[in-house]
Amino acid sequence: MNLTTKGNQFIQDESITWEDLGAGLKRKMMAYDDNLMMVKVSFEKGGIGALHSHYHTQMSYVESGAFEITIGDKKEILKKGDVYHIPPDIPHGALCLEAGILIDIFTPLREDFITR
C-alpha cells in the first residue's frame, strides 16, 4: 500500500493507490500529521460503511454520489457538496444510494488506519 506520510505539503491524487476494503469500498490516505488526517473513500452503490464509533472528531464532504448517513439516532440523505459532522464517540455509518466518494477528515489522525 502506498501511504502518504506526514511532512508532504503537496499531494497528487494519482500518486496514491486505492486500498480495497471489500464490500464495494476502497480508500486512499490522502494526507496526515499527528493532529489531522484526510481520507478519500469510494463506495459502489449499495456499499455500507458499517455503524461504528471512535474517539476522533470527524467531518466528511460528499464529493459525489448520494448517501444515507446515520449519526446517533438521526438519518439523512446527503448528496454532492453536502457535509456532515460527527462528534467523538457517536455511532455513525453510511449507506451508499448512488456510487460516490466521501472525503473524511479526522482529528486527531486515525492511527489505526496507518498501522495496518
Protein backbone atom coordinates (compact mmCIF):
# COMPACT_ATOMS: atom_id res chain seq x y z
CA MET A 1 0.00 0.00 0.00
CA ASN A 2 1.32 3.45 -0.92
CA LEU A 3 0.62 5.76 2.03
CA THR A 4 1.13 9.49 2.08
CA THR A 5 3.10 10.30 5.20
CA LYS A 6 3.29 13.42 7.29
CA GLY A 7 5.72 16.05 6.06
CA ASN A 8 4.46 16.16 2.48
CA GLN A 9 2.93 19.54 1.69
CA PHE A 10 1.69 18.78 -1.82
CA ILE A 11 -0.03 15.51 -2.59
CA GLN A 12 -1.03 14.36 -6.07
CA ASP A 13 -4.14 12.15 -6.06
CA GLU A 14 -2.80 9.90 -8.81
CA SER A 15 0.32 9.12 -6.74
CA ILE A 16 -1.73 7.34 -4.07
CA THR A 17 -3.07 3.84 -4.65
CA TRP A 18 -6.50 2.71 -3.54
CA GLU A 19 -6.74 0.26 -0.63
CA ASP A 20 -9.52 -2.28 -1.28
CA LEU A 21 -11.65 -2.63 1.84
CA GLY A 22 -14.02 -5.18 0.30
CA ALA A 23 -17.81 -4.99 0.01
CA GLY A 24 -17.64 -2.21 -2.61
CA LEU A 25 -15.44 0.17 -0.61
CA LYS A 26 -11.91 1.42 -1.17
CA ARG A 27 -9.90 4.26 0.34
CA LYS A 28 -6.86 6.48 -0.05
CA MET A 29 -4.97 8.06 2.84
CA MET A 30 -4.53 11.49 1.26
CA ALA A 31 -2.52 13.33 3.93
CA TYR A 32 -1.94 13.37 7.65
CA ASP A 33 0.15 14.66 10.51
CA ASP A 34 -0.12 13.99 14.23
CA ASN A 35 -3.26 16.12 14.59
CA LEU A 36 -5.21 15.78 11.35
CA MET A 37 -5.97 13.23 8.64
CA MET A 38 -7.77 13.34 5.28
CA VAL A 39 -9.06 10.11 3.73
CA LYS A 40 -10.90 9.59 0.43
CA VAL A 41 -13.41 6.72 0.49
CA SER A 42 -15.03 5.38 -2.69
CA PHE A 43 -18.33 3.48 -2.46
CA GLU A 44 -20.11 1.37 -5.04
CA LYS A 45 -23.91 1.63 -4.97
CA GLY A 46 -25.15 -0.40 -2.00
CA GLY A 47 -21.80 -0.19 -0.21
CA ILE A 48 -22.06 0.13 3.56
CA GLY A 49 -19.84 1.95 6.00
CA ALA A 50 -20.88 -0.13 9.00
CA LEU A 51 -22.17 1.58 12.13
CA HIS A 52 -19.19 2.30 14.41
CA SER A 53 -17.76 4.93 16.75
CA HIS A 54 -14.32 6.29 17.62
CA TYR A 55 -12.83 8.98 19.85
CA HIS A 56 -11.91 11.18 16.88
CA THR A 57 -13.89 14.17 15.70
CA GLN A 58 -14.87 13.62 12.05
CA MET A 59 -16.15 15.85 9.29
CA SER A 60 -17.00 14.45 5.88
CA TYR A 61 -17.65 16.06 2.50
CA VAL A 62 -19.73 14.32 -0.16
CA GLU A 63 -17.58 14.71 -3.27
CA SER A 64 -20.00 12.72 -5.42
CA GLY A 65 -22.91 10.29 -5.20
CA ALA A 66 -25.69 10.04 -2.63
CA PHE A 67 -25.57 8.53 0.85
CA GLU A 68 -27.92 7.79 3.73
CA ILE A 69 -25.85 8.94 6.69
CA THR A 70 -26.64 7.81 10.23
CA ILE A 71 -25.29 9.80 13.17
CA GLY A 72 -26.57 8.67 16.55
CA ASP A 73 -30.34 8.24 16.18
CA LYS A 74 -30.61 10.59 13.16
CA LYS A 75 -30.59 9.68 9.46
CA GLU A 76 -30.37 11.99 6.48
CA ILE A 77 -29.76 11.63 2.75
CA LEU A 78 -26.81 13.71 1.60
CA LYS A 79 -25.58 14.42 -1.94
CA LYS A 80 -22.69 16.08 -3.75
CA GLY A 81 -21.49 19.18 -1.91
CA ASP A 82 -23.06 18.29 1.45
CA VAL A 83 -21.08 17.99 4.69
CA TYR A 84 -21.68 16.21 7.99
CA HIS A 85 -20.02 16.46 11.41
CA ILE A 86 -19.57 13.60 13.87
CA PRO A 87 -18.56 14.39 17.45
CA PRO A 88 -16.32 11.89 19.29
CA ASP A 89 -17.80 8.56 20.41
CA ILE A 90 -21.10 8.93 18.49
CA PRO A 91 -22.16 5.83 16.50
CA HIS A 92 -22.33 6.57 12.77
CA GLY A 93 -22.44 4.84 9.41
CA ALA A 94 -23.21 5.29 5.72
CA LEU A 95 -25.28 3.50 3.09
CA CYS A 96 -24.37 4.40 -0.49
CA LEU A 97 -27.50 5.09 -2.54
CA GLU A 98 -25.65 6.26 -5.66
CA ALA A 99 -21.97 5.39 -6.28
CA GLY A 100 -19.76 8.13 -4.94
CA ILE A 101 -16.89 9.41 -2.86
CA LEU A 102 -16.69 10.76 0.68
CA ILE A 103 -13.78 12.88 1.88
CA ASP A 104 -13.29 12.16 5.60
CA ILE A 105 -11.30 14.45 7.88
CA PHE A 106 -10.31 13.27 11.36
CA THR A 107 -8.71 14.90 14.35
CA PRO A 108 -6.52 13.54 15.73
CA LEU A 109 -5.27 11.25 12.98
CA ARG A 110 -6.62 7.69 12.79
CA GLU A 111 -3.53 5.77 13.85
CA ASP A 112 -5.44 2.54 13.28
CA PHE A 113 -5.55 3.39 9.55
CA ILE A 114 -1.77 3.72 9.21
CA THR A 115 -0.65 0.82 11.38
CA ARG A 116 -2.44 -1.88 9.37
